[in-house]
N, C-alpha and C. Protein backbone atom coordinates (compact mmCIF):
# COMPACT_ATOMS: atom_id res chain seq x y z
N MET A 1 15.76 -86.70 -49.93
CA MET A 1 17.17 -86.48 -49.64
C MET A 1 17.37 -86.45 -48.13
N LYS A 2 18.43 -87.08 -47.67
CA LYS A 2 18.77 -87.11 -46.25
C LYS A 2 19.18 -85.71 -45.79
N THR A 3 18.88 -85.39 -44.54
CA THR A 3 19.24 -84.09 -43.98
C THR A 3 20.76 -83.97 -43.94
N PRO A 4 21.29 -82.87 -44.50
CA PRO A 4 22.75 -82.69 -44.50
C PRO A 4 23.31 -82.53 -43.09
N LEU A 5 24.52 -83.00 -42.89
CA LEU A 5 25.22 -82.86 -41.62
C LEU A 5 25.53 -81.39 -41.36
N LYS A 6 25.72 -81.03 -40.11
CA LYS A 6 26.07 -79.65 -39.74
C LYS A 6 27.58 -79.46 -39.60
N THR A 7 28.36 -80.53 -39.71
CA THR A 7 29.80 -80.47 -39.48
C THR A 7 30.53 -79.83 -40.66
N ILE A 8 31.65 -79.23 -40.36
CA ILE A 8 32.46 -78.60 -41.41
C ILE A 8 33.66 -79.48 -41.77
N LEU A 9 34.20 -80.23 -40.81
CA LEU A 9 35.40 -81.02 -41.05
C LEU A 9 35.07 -82.40 -41.61
N THR A 10 34.98 -82.44 -42.93
CA THR A 10 34.80 -83.71 -43.64
C THR A 10 35.83 -83.75 -44.76
N LEU A 11 36.14 -84.93 -45.20
CA LEU A 11 37.11 -85.07 -46.30
C LEU A 11 36.62 -84.35 -47.55
N SER A 12 35.34 -84.47 -47.85
CA SER A 12 34.82 -83.82 -49.06
C SER A 12 34.93 -82.29 -48.96
N ASN A 13 34.69 -81.73 -47.76
CA ASN A 13 34.83 -80.28 -47.60
C ASN A 13 36.29 -79.84 -47.74
N LEU A 14 37.21 -80.67 -47.26
CA LEU A 14 38.64 -80.36 -47.43
C LEU A 14 39.03 -80.39 -48.91
N ILE A 15 38.46 -81.33 -49.65
CA ILE A 15 38.74 -81.40 -51.09
C ILE A 15 38.20 -80.15 -51.79
N SER A 16 37.00 -79.71 -51.41
CA SER A 16 36.44 -78.48 -51.98
C SER A 16 37.32 -77.28 -51.66
N ALA A 17 37.76 -77.19 -50.39
CA ALA A 17 38.62 -76.08 -49.99
C ALA A 17 39.94 -76.11 -50.75
N LEU A 18 40.45 -77.31 -50.99
CA LEU A 18 41.68 -77.46 -51.77
C LEU A 18 41.51 -76.85 -53.16
N ARG A 19 40.34 -77.03 -53.76
CA ARG A 19 40.09 -76.46 -55.09
C ARG A 19 40.22 -74.94 -55.05
N ALA A 20 39.69 -74.32 -54.00
CA ALA A 20 39.82 -72.86 -53.88
C ALA A 20 41.28 -72.46 -53.74
N VAL A 21 42.05 -73.22 -52.96
CA VAL A 21 43.47 -72.93 -52.76
C VAL A 21 44.25 -73.12 -54.06
N MET A 22 43.83 -74.08 -54.86
CA MET A 22 44.50 -74.33 -56.14
C MET A 22 44.40 -73.14 -57.08
N THR A 23 43.50 -72.22 -56.80
CA THR A 23 43.37 -71.00 -57.59
C THR A 23 44.69 -70.22 -57.61
N ILE A 24 45.38 -70.20 -56.48
CA ILE A 24 46.60 -69.39 -56.36
C ILE A 24 47.67 -69.82 -57.36
N PRO A 25 48.10 -71.10 -57.38
CA PRO A 25 49.12 -71.45 -58.37
C PRO A 25 48.63 -71.32 -59.81
N ILE A 26 47.35 -71.57 -60.03
CA ILE A 26 46.83 -71.45 -61.40
C ILE A 26 46.93 -70.00 -61.87
N VAL A 27 46.52 -69.07 -61.03
CA VAL A 27 46.58 -67.65 -61.38
C VAL A 27 48.04 -67.23 -61.59
N ILE A 28 48.93 -67.67 -60.72
CA ILE A 28 50.36 -67.33 -60.87
C ILE A 28 50.90 -67.87 -62.20
N LEU A 29 50.55 -69.11 -62.52
CA LEU A 29 51.00 -69.69 -63.79
C LEU A 29 50.46 -68.91 -64.98
N LEU A 30 49.20 -68.53 -64.91
CA LEU A 30 48.62 -67.74 -66.00
C LEU A 30 49.30 -66.38 -66.14
N LEU A 31 49.58 -65.75 -65.00
CA LEU A 31 50.24 -64.44 -65.05
C LEU A 31 51.66 -64.55 -65.60
N ARG A 32 52.27 -65.72 -65.43
CA ARG A 32 53.60 -65.97 -66.00
C ARG A 32 53.52 -66.49 -67.43
N HIS A 33 52.31 -66.58 -67.95
CA HIS A 33 52.05 -67.08 -69.32
C HIS A 33 52.48 -68.53 -69.50
N ASP A 34 52.44 -69.29 -68.43
CA ASP A 34 52.74 -70.72 -68.49
C ASP A 34 51.40 -71.46 -68.62
N ASN A 35 50.77 -71.28 -69.77
CA ASN A 35 49.43 -71.81 -69.98
C ASN A 35 49.38 -73.33 -69.98
N THR A 36 50.44 -73.97 -70.43
CA THR A 36 50.43 -75.44 -70.47
C THR A 36 50.39 -76.01 -69.06
N THR A 37 51.23 -75.51 -68.16
CA THR A 37 51.21 -75.99 -66.78
C THR A 37 49.88 -75.61 -66.11
N ALA A 38 49.41 -74.39 -66.38
CA ALA A 38 48.11 -73.97 -65.83
C ALA A 38 47.00 -74.90 -66.30
N PHE A 39 47.08 -75.35 -67.55
CA PHE A 39 46.11 -76.30 -68.10
C PHE A 39 46.04 -77.55 -67.23
N PHE A 40 47.21 -78.12 -66.86
CA PHE A 40 47.21 -79.34 -66.05
C PHE A 40 46.70 -79.08 -64.63
N TRP A 41 47.01 -77.92 -64.07
CA TRP A 41 46.48 -77.57 -62.76
C TRP A 41 44.95 -77.43 -62.84
N CYS A 42 44.47 -76.85 -63.92
CA CYS A 42 43.01 -76.71 -64.09
C CYS A 42 42.34 -78.08 -64.20
N LEU A 43 42.98 -79.00 -64.90
CA LEU A 43 42.44 -80.37 -64.97
C LEU A 43 42.39 -81.00 -63.58
N ALA A 44 43.45 -80.81 -62.80
CA ALA A 44 43.47 -81.36 -61.44
C ALA A 44 42.36 -80.73 -60.60
N ALA A 45 42.15 -79.43 -60.75
CA ALA A 45 41.07 -78.76 -60.02
C ALA A 45 39.71 -79.30 -60.45
N ALA A 46 39.55 -79.59 -61.73
CA ALA A 46 38.29 -80.16 -62.23
C ALA A 46 38.05 -81.54 -61.60
N VAL A 47 39.11 -82.30 -61.41
CA VAL A 47 38.97 -83.62 -60.76
C VAL A 47 38.49 -83.43 -59.32
N THR A 48 38.99 -82.42 -58.60
CA THR A 48 38.54 -82.20 -57.23
C THR A 48 37.07 -81.84 -57.18
N ASP A 49 36.58 -81.18 -58.23
CA ASP A 49 35.15 -80.81 -58.29
C ASP A 49 34.29 -82.06 -58.36
N TRP A 50 34.73 -83.04 -59.10
CA TRP A 50 34.00 -84.31 -59.17
C TRP A 50 34.21 -85.11 -57.89
N LEU A 51 35.46 -85.13 -57.40
CA LEU A 51 35.83 -85.97 -56.27
C LEU A 51 35.13 -85.58 -54.97
N ASP A 52 34.97 -84.28 -54.71
CA ASP A 52 34.37 -83.88 -53.44
C ASP A 52 32.94 -84.41 -53.30
N GLY A 53 32.16 -84.30 -54.36
CA GLY A 53 30.79 -84.80 -54.32
C GLY A 53 30.74 -86.32 -54.22
N PHE A 54 31.64 -86.98 -54.94
CA PHE A 54 31.70 -88.44 -54.89
C PHE A 54 32.01 -88.91 -53.48
N VAL A 55 33.01 -88.29 -52.85
CA VAL A 55 33.41 -88.68 -51.49
C VAL A 55 32.27 -88.40 -50.51
N ALA A 56 31.62 -87.24 -50.63
CA ALA A 56 30.53 -86.90 -49.71
C ALA A 56 29.39 -87.92 -49.79
N ARG A 57 29.03 -88.29 -51.01
CA ARG A 57 27.94 -89.26 -51.17
C ARG A 57 28.38 -90.66 -50.73
N ARG A 58 29.58 -91.06 -51.08
CA ARG A 58 30.08 -92.40 -50.79
C ARG A 58 30.27 -92.63 -49.29
N THR A 59 30.71 -91.58 -48.58
CA THR A 59 30.95 -91.71 -47.14
C THR A 59 29.77 -91.21 -46.31
N ASP A 60 28.69 -90.84 -47.01
CA ASP A 60 27.47 -90.36 -46.35
C ASP A 60 27.78 -89.16 -45.45
N THR A 61 28.62 -88.24 -45.98
CA THR A 61 28.99 -87.04 -45.22
C THR A 61 28.60 -85.77 -45.97
N VAL A 62 27.48 -85.82 -46.69
CA VAL A 62 26.98 -84.59 -47.32
C VAL A 62 26.64 -83.63 -46.20
N SER A 63 27.20 -82.42 -46.27
CA SER A 63 26.99 -81.47 -45.17
C SER A 63 26.48 -80.14 -45.69
N GLU A 64 25.84 -79.42 -44.79
CA GLU A 64 25.37 -78.08 -45.13
C GLU A 64 26.56 -77.20 -45.51
N TRP A 65 27.66 -77.35 -44.77
CA TRP A 65 28.87 -76.57 -45.09
C TRP A 65 29.40 -76.93 -46.48
N GLY A 66 29.33 -78.22 -46.82
CA GLY A 66 29.79 -78.64 -48.13
C GLY A 66 28.96 -78.01 -49.25
N MET A 67 27.65 -77.83 -48.98
CA MET A 67 26.78 -77.21 -49.97
C MET A 67 27.10 -75.72 -50.12
N ILE A 68 27.84 -75.17 -49.19
CA ILE A 68 28.30 -73.78 -49.28
C ILE A 68 29.71 -73.72 -49.85
N ILE A 69 30.61 -74.54 -49.29
CA ILE A 69 32.02 -74.50 -49.68
C ILE A 69 32.21 -74.88 -51.15
N ASP A 70 31.55 -75.94 -51.60
CA ASP A 70 31.73 -76.43 -52.97
C ASP A 70 31.43 -75.37 -54.02
N PRO A 71 30.24 -74.74 -54.01
CA PRO A 71 29.99 -73.74 -55.05
C PRO A 71 30.86 -72.48 -54.90
N ILE A 72 31.21 -72.14 -53.66
CA ILE A 72 32.08 -70.97 -53.48
C ILE A 72 33.47 -71.27 -54.03
N ALA A 73 33.96 -72.49 -53.79
CA ALA A 73 35.27 -72.88 -54.35
C ALA A 73 35.23 -72.81 -55.87
N ASP A 74 34.13 -73.29 -56.45
CA ASP A 74 33.96 -73.20 -57.91
C ASP A 74 34.02 -71.75 -58.38
N LYS A 75 33.29 -70.89 -57.69
CA LYS A 75 33.20 -69.50 -58.11
C LYS A 75 34.53 -68.76 -57.92
N ILE A 76 35.25 -69.08 -56.85
CA ILE A 76 36.58 -68.48 -56.64
C ILE A 76 37.51 -68.89 -57.78
N LEU A 77 37.57 -70.19 -58.04
CA LEU A 77 38.46 -70.70 -59.08
C LEU A 77 38.07 -70.18 -60.46
N VAL A 78 36.83 -70.39 -60.83
CA VAL A 78 36.38 -69.98 -62.18
C VAL A 78 36.47 -68.47 -62.32
N GLY A 79 36.02 -67.73 -61.32
CA GLY A 79 36.05 -66.26 -61.40
C GLY A 79 37.46 -65.71 -61.54
N ALA A 80 38.38 -66.17 -60.70
CA ALA A 80 39.76 -65.67 -60.75
C ALA A 80 40.43 -66.04 -62.07
N VAL A 81 40.26 -67.30 -62.47
CA VAL A 81 40.91 -67.75 -63.72
C VAL A 81 40.34 -67.00 -64.91
N MET A 82 39.03 -66.84 -64.96
CA MET A 82 38.42 -66.13 -66.09
C MET A 82 38.81 -64.66 -66.11
N LEU A 83 38.95 -64.04 -64.93
CA LEU A 83 39.39 -62.63 -64.90
C LEU A 83 40.81 -62.48 -65.44
N VAL A 84 41.70 -63.39 -65.07
CA VAL A 84 43.07 -63.34 -65.59
C VAL A 84 43.05 -63.61 -67.09
N MET A 85 42.27 -64.60 -67.50
CA MET A 85 42.21 -64.90 -68.94
C MET A 85 41.60 -63.73 -69.72
N PHE A 86 40.65 -63.04 -69.11
CA PHE A 86 40.08 -61.84 -69.75
C PHE A 86 41.14 -60.74 -69.84
N ALA A 87 41.86 -60.51 -68.74
CA ALA A 87 42.89 -59.47 -68.71
C ALA A 87 43.98 -59.75 -69.73
N GLN A 88 44.26 -61.02 -69.96
CA GLN A 88 45.29 -61.39 -70.94
C GLN A 88 44.70 -61.59 -72.33
N GLN A 89 43.45 -61.27 -72.49
CA GLN A 89 42.74 -61.36 -73.76
C GLN A 89 42.72 -62.79 -74.32
N ILE A 90 42.65 -63.75 -73.41
CA ILE A 90 42.52 -65.15 -73.82
C ILE A 90 41.06 -65.48 -74.09
N ILE A 91 40.17 -64.84 -73.30
CA ILE A 91 38.73 -65.00 -73.55
C ILE A 91 38.13 -63.62 -73.81
N PRO A 92 37.02 -63.57 -74.55
CA PRO A 92 36.40 -62.27 -74.86
C PRO A 92 35.67 -61.65 -73.67
N THR A 93 35.51 -60.35 -73.72
CA THR A 93 34.87 -59.58 -72.66
C THR A 93 33.47 -60.10 -72.35
N TRP A 94 32.67 -60.33 -73.38
CA TRP A 94 31.28 -60.74 -73.15
C TRP A 94 31.20 -62.04 -72.36
N PHE A 95 32.14 -62.96 -72.61
CA PHE A 95 32.12 -64.24 -71.93
C PHE A 95 32.49 -64.08 -70.46
N ALA A 96 33.53 -63.28 -70.20
CA ALA A 96 33.94 -63.03 -68.81
C ALA A 96 32.80 -62.38 -68.02
N TRP A 97 32.16 -61.38 -68.59
CA TRP A 97 31.07 -60.68 -67.88
C TRP A 97 29.85 -61.57 -67.69
N THR A 98 29.58 -62.45 -68.63
CA THR A 98 28.46 -63.38 -68.48
C THR A 98 28.70 -64.30 -67.29
N ILE A 99 29.91 -64.83 -67.20
CA ILE A 99 30.26 -65.74 -66.10
C ILE A 99 30.17 -65.02 -64.76
N ILE A 100 30.81 -63.86 -64.67
CA ILE A 100 30.86 -63.12 -63.41
C ILE A 100 29.45 -62.69 -62.99
N SER A 101 28.66 -62.20 -63.93
CA SER A 101 27.30 -61.75 -63.61
C SER A 101 26.45 -62.88 -63.06
N ARG A 102 26.49 -64.02 -63.72
CA ARG A 102 25.71 -65.18 -63.26
C ARG A 102 26.14 -65.58 -61.85
N ASP A 103 27.44 -65.65 -61.62
CA ASP A 103 27.92 -66.08 -60.32
C ASP A 103 27.56 -65.09 -59.21
N VAL A 104 27.62 -63.81 -59.50
CA VAL A 104 27.24 -62.79 -58.51
C VAL A 104 25.76 -62.92 -58.17
N ILE A 105 24.93 -63.13 -59.17
CA ILE A 105 23.49 -63.29 -58.93
C ILE A 105 23.23 -64.51 -58.06
N ILE A 106 23.85 -65.64 -58.40
CA ILE A 106 23.63 -66.87 -57.63
C ILE A 106 24.15 -66.73 -56.20
N LEU A 107 25.33 -66.14 -56.03
CA LEU A 107 25.87 -65.94 -54.67
C LEU A 107 24.98 -65.02 -53.85
N ALA A 108 24.53 -63.92 -54.45
CA ALA A 108 23.68 -62.97 -53.73
C ALA A 108 22.37 -63.62 -53.31
N CYS A 109 21.76 -64.36 -54.20
CA CYS A 109 20.49 -65.03 -53.86
C CYS A 109 20.71 -66.11 -52.81
N GLY A 110 21.79 -66.86 -52.91
CA GLY A 110 22.10 -67.88 -51.92
C GLY A 110 22.34 -67.28 -50.55
N TRP A 111 23.07 -66.18 -50.52
CA TRP A 111 23.33 -65.48 -49.27
C TRP A 111 22.02 -65.00 -48.67
N TRP A 112 21.15 -64.41 -49.49
CA TRP A 112 19.87 -63.89 -49.03
C TRP A 112 18.99 -65.02 -48.47
N LEU A 113 18.92 -66.15 -49.18
CA LEU A 113 18.12 -67.28 -48.70
C LEU A 113 18.63 -67.80 -47.36
N LYS A 114 19.94 -67.86 -47.21
CA LYS A 114 20.52 -68.34 -45.96
C LYS A 114 20.22 -67.36 -44.83
N ARG A 115 20.40 -66.10 -45.10
CA ARG A 115 20.21 -65.07 -44.07
C ARG A 115 18.74 -64.88 -43.71
N ARG A 116 17.90 -64.85 -44.71
CA ARG A 116 16.48 -64.53 -44.48
C ARG A 116 15.63 -65.75 -44.11
N HIS A 117 15.96 -66.90 -44.73
CA HIS A 117 15.12 -68.09 -44.54
C HIS A 117 15.87 -69.29 -43.95
N GLN A 118 17.14 -69.11 -43.59
CA GLN A 118 17.97 -70.17 -43.03
C GLN A 118 18.01 -71.41 -43.93
N LEU A 119 18.03 -71.17 -45.23
CA LEU A 119 18.07 -72.25 -46.22
C LEU A 119 19.41 -72.28 -46.94
N VAL A 120 19.95 -73.46 -47.08
CA VAL A 120 21.11 -73.68 -47.94
C VAL A 120 20.68 -74.74 -48.95
N LEU A 121 20.59 -74.32 -50.18
CA LEU A 121 20.10 -75.22 -51.22
C LEU A 121 21.26 -75.91 -51.92
N PRO A 122 21.11 -77.18 -52.22
CA PRO A 122 22.17 -77.87 -52.97
C PRO A 122 22.25 -77.36 -54.39
N SER A 123 23.39 -77.55 -54.99
CA SER A 123 23.57 -77.17 -56.39
C SER A 123 22.62 -77.98 -57.27
N LEU A 124 22.29 -77.40 -58.38
CA LEU A 124 21.47 -78.09 -59.37
C LEU A 124 22.38 -78.72 -60.42
N MET A 125 21.93 -79.78 -61.03
CA MET A 125 22.70 -80.43 -62.09
C MET A 125 23.00 -79.43 -63.22
N SER A 126 22.04 -78.56 -63.53
CA SER A 126 22.27 -77.58 -64.60
C SER A 126 23.43 -76.64 -64.24
N GLY A 127 23.58 -76.33 -62.95
CA GLY A 127 24.70 -75.49 -62.51
C GLY A 127 26.02 -76.21 -62.66
N LYS A 128 26.03 -77.51 -62.35
CA LYS A 128 27.25 -78.30 -62.50
C LYS A 128 27.63 -78.42 -63.99
N ILE A 129 26.63 -78.57 -64.84
CA ILE A 129 26.89 -78.64 -66.28
C ILE A 129 27.43 -77.29 -66.77
N ALA A 130 26.86 -76.20 -66.27
CA ALA A 130 27.35 -74.87 -66.66
C ALA A 130 28.81 -74.68 -66.27
N VAL A 131 29.16 -75.05 -65.02
CA VAL A 131 30.55 -74.92 -64.57
C VAL A 131 31.47 -75.79 -65.42
N THR A 132 31.01 -76.98 -65.77
CA THR A 132 31.82 -77.88 -66.60
C THR A 132 32.06 -77.29 -67.98
N THR A 133 31.04 -76.71 -68.60
CA THR A 133 31.23 -76.13 -69.94
C THR A 133 32.07 -74.85 -69.88
N ILE A 134 31.93 -74.09 -68.81
CA ILE A 134 32.78 -72.90 -68.63
C ILE A 134 34.24 -73.36 -68.52
N ALA A 135 34.47 -74.34 -67.65
CA ALA A 135 35.83 -74.85 -67.44
C ALA A 135 36.40 -75.43 -68.73
N ALA A 136 35.59 -76.19 -69.45
CA ALA A 136 36.07 -76.80 -70.70
C ALA A 136 36.47 -75.72 -71.71
N SER A 137 35.66 -74.68 -71.83
CA SER A 137 36.00 -73.62 -72.79
C SER A 137 37.25 -72.87 -72.35
N GLY A 138 37.38 -72.61 -71.04
CA GLY A 138 38.57 -71.92 -70.55
C GLY A 138 39.82 -72.76 -70.68
N ILE A 139 39.70 -74.03 -70.32
CA ILE A 139 40.87 -74.92 -70.40
C ILE A 139 41.33 -75.07 -71.84
N LEU A 140 40.38 -75.25 -72.76
CA LEU A 140 40.75 -75.38 -74.17
C LEU A 140 41.35 -74.07 -74.70
N ALA A 141 40.81 -72.94 -74.26
CA ALA A 141 41.35 -71.64 -74.70
C ALA A 141 42.79 -71.45 -74.25
N LEU A 142 43.20 -72.12 -73.17
CA LEU A 142 44.60 -72.04 -72.73
C LEU A 142 45.54 -72.70 -73.74
N LEU A 143 45.04 -73.70 -74.42
CA LEU A 143 45.89 -74.46 -75.35
C LEU A 143 45.85 -73.92 -76.76
N VAL A 144 44.72 -73.37 -77.14
CA VAL A 144 44.60 -72.81 -78.50
C VAL A 144 44.27 -71.33 -78.34
N THR A 145 43.36 -70.78 -79.08
CA THR A 145 42.96 -69.39 -78.91
C THR A 145 41.45 -69.33 -78.81
N SER A 146 40.94 -68.23 -78.28
CA SER A 146 39.48 -68.12 -78.14
C SER A 146 38.81 -67.99 -79.50
N ASN A 147 39.58 -67.72 -80.55
CA ASN A 147 39.02 -67.65 -81.91
C ASN A 147 38.87 -69.02 -82.54
N HIS A 148 39.43 -70.02 -81.93
CA HIS A 148 39.32 -71.38 -82.44
C HIS A 148 37.86 -71.80 -82.43
N GLY A 149 37.41 -72.47 -83.45
CA GLY A 149 36.01 -72.87 -83.58
C GLY A 149 35.49 -73.69 -82.41
N ALA A 150 36.30 -74.61 -81.92
CA ALA A 150 35.87 -75.46 -80.80
C ALA A 150 35.69 -74.63 -79.53
N VAL A 151 36.57 -73.65 -79.30
CA VAL A 151 36.46 -72.80 -78.12
C VAL A 151 35.21 -71.92 -78.24
N GLN A 152 34.99 -71.37 -79.43
CA GLN A 152 33.80 -70.53 -79.62
C GLN A 152 32.52 -71.34 -79.41
N LEU A 153 32.50 -72.56 -79.92
CA LEU A 153 31.34 -73.43 -79.73
C LEU A 153 31.14 -73.73 -78.24
N LEU A 154 32.22 -74.03 -77.53
CA LEU A 154 32.11 -74.29 -76.09
C LEU A 154 31.65 -73.05 -75.33
N MET A 155 32.10 -71.86 -75.72
CA MET A 155 31.66 -70.63 -75.06
C MET A 155 30.16 -70.40 -75.28
N ILE A 156 29.68 -70.68 -76.48
CA ILE A 156 28.24 -70.55 -76.75
C ILE A 156 27.47 -71.58 -75.93
N LEU A 157 27.96 -72.81 -75.90
CA LEU A 157 27.32 -73.86 -75.11
C LEU A 157 27.33 -73.49 -73.62
N ALA A 158 28.44 -72.95 -73.14
CA ALA A 158 28.55 -72.52 -71.75
C ALA A 158 27.54 -71.41 -71.45
N THR A 159 27.38 -70.48 -72.37
CA THR A 159 26.44 -69.39 -72.18
C THR A 159 25.01 -69.91 -72.11
N ILE A 160 24.69 -70.87 -72.96
CA ILE A 160 23.35 -71.47 -72.94
C ILE A 160 23.13 -72.21 -71.62
N THR A 161 24.12 -72.99 -71.19
CA THR A 161 23.96 -73.74 -69.94
C THR A 161 23.90 -72.79 -68.74
N MET A 162 24.62 -71.67 -68.80
CA MET A 162 24.53 -70.69 -67.71
C MET A 162 23.13 -70.09 -67.65
N ALA A 163 22.56 -69.78 -68.81
CA ALA A 163 21.21 -69.22 -68.85
C ALA A 163 20.19 -70.22 -68.31
N VAL A 164 20.32 -71.48 -68.72
CA VAL A 164 19.40 -72.52 -68.24
C VAL A 164 19.53 -72.68 -66.72
N SER A 165 20.76 -72.74 -66.23
CA SER A 165 20.94 -72.93 -64.78
C SER A 165 20.42 -71.73 -64.01
N LEU A 166 20.67 -70.53 -64.50
CA LEU A 166 20.19 -69.33 -63.81
C LEU A 166 18.66 -69.33 -63.77
N TRP A 167 18.03 -69.71 -64.87
CA TRP A 167 16.57 -69.81 -64.92
C TRP A 167 16.08 -70.85 -63.91
N GLN A 168 16.74 -72.01 -63.85
CA GLN A 168 16.31 -73.05 -62.92
C GLN A 168 16.52 -72.64 -61.46
N TYR A 169 17.64 -71.95 -61.17
CA TYR A 169 17.84 -71.44 -59.82
C TYR A 169 16.75 -70.43 -59.46
N GLY A 170 16.44 -69.54 -60.41
CA GLY A 170 15.39 -68.55 -60.19
C GLY A 170 14.03 -69.20 -59.99
N LYS A 171 13.73 -70.20 -60.77
CA LYS A 171 12.46 -70.91 -60.66
C LYS A 171 12.35 -71.61 -59.29
N ARG A 172 13.44 -72.22 -58.86
CA ARG A 172 13.45 -72.89 -57.56
C ARG A 172 13.28 -71.87 -56.44
N MET A 173 13.97 -70.75 -56.54
CA MET A 173 13.85 -69.71 -55.51
C MET A 173 12.43 -69.14 -55.46
N TYR A 174 11.85 -68.91 -56.63
CA TYR A 174 10.47 -68.42 -56.69
C TYR A 174 9.52 -69.41 -56.03
N GLY A 175 9.71 -70.70 -56.29
CA GLY A 175 8.89 -71.73 -55.68
C GLY A 175 9.00 -71.73 -54.16
N ILE A 176 10.19 -71.50 -53.66
CA ILE A 176 10.40 -71.46 -52.21
C ILE A 176 9.72 -70.25 -51.59
N LEU A 177 9.80 -69.12 -52.27
CA LEU A 177 9.26 -67.88 -51.73
C LEU A 177 7.74 -67.81 -51.81
N ARG A 178 7.13 -68.62 -52.69
CA ARG A 178 5.66 -68.61 -52.78
C ARG A 178 5.13 -69.26 -51.59
């Protein structure tokens, strides 16, 4: 892999930052119980998650800052949306706590690696799959209910992918520390 750029001002980083900003209208829409409009905003945010990486690779502007901004934008968006959905009883408690716990562990370890070893690690494919299944279950729950079979199946799949990604992040961190 090519060494990431040190610059912060890239189009892909702006797209990632936009995703974090999109959290505000999504949360407002959810608090107003306008789940249908929130659904479309969530889809647009999901497109930015794909687009930022595509732009960074296509324009050869993968940056160290992008490897920080992108997952933080994901965690801000997913965390805030899931907390509102939990508060409104759209998703079950266990699912919200699973998501938040995993994200806190990953953020804490990433912060520690950066501070202690000056390392910023790129996201793993398993982490991207986990975020996608979390988003899919949340987005579908906005349209139907969390008791719907498809939503429950997606929540189970999301939980499995979160466990796999957390294990892979832990394994990678252990390998670095050895």
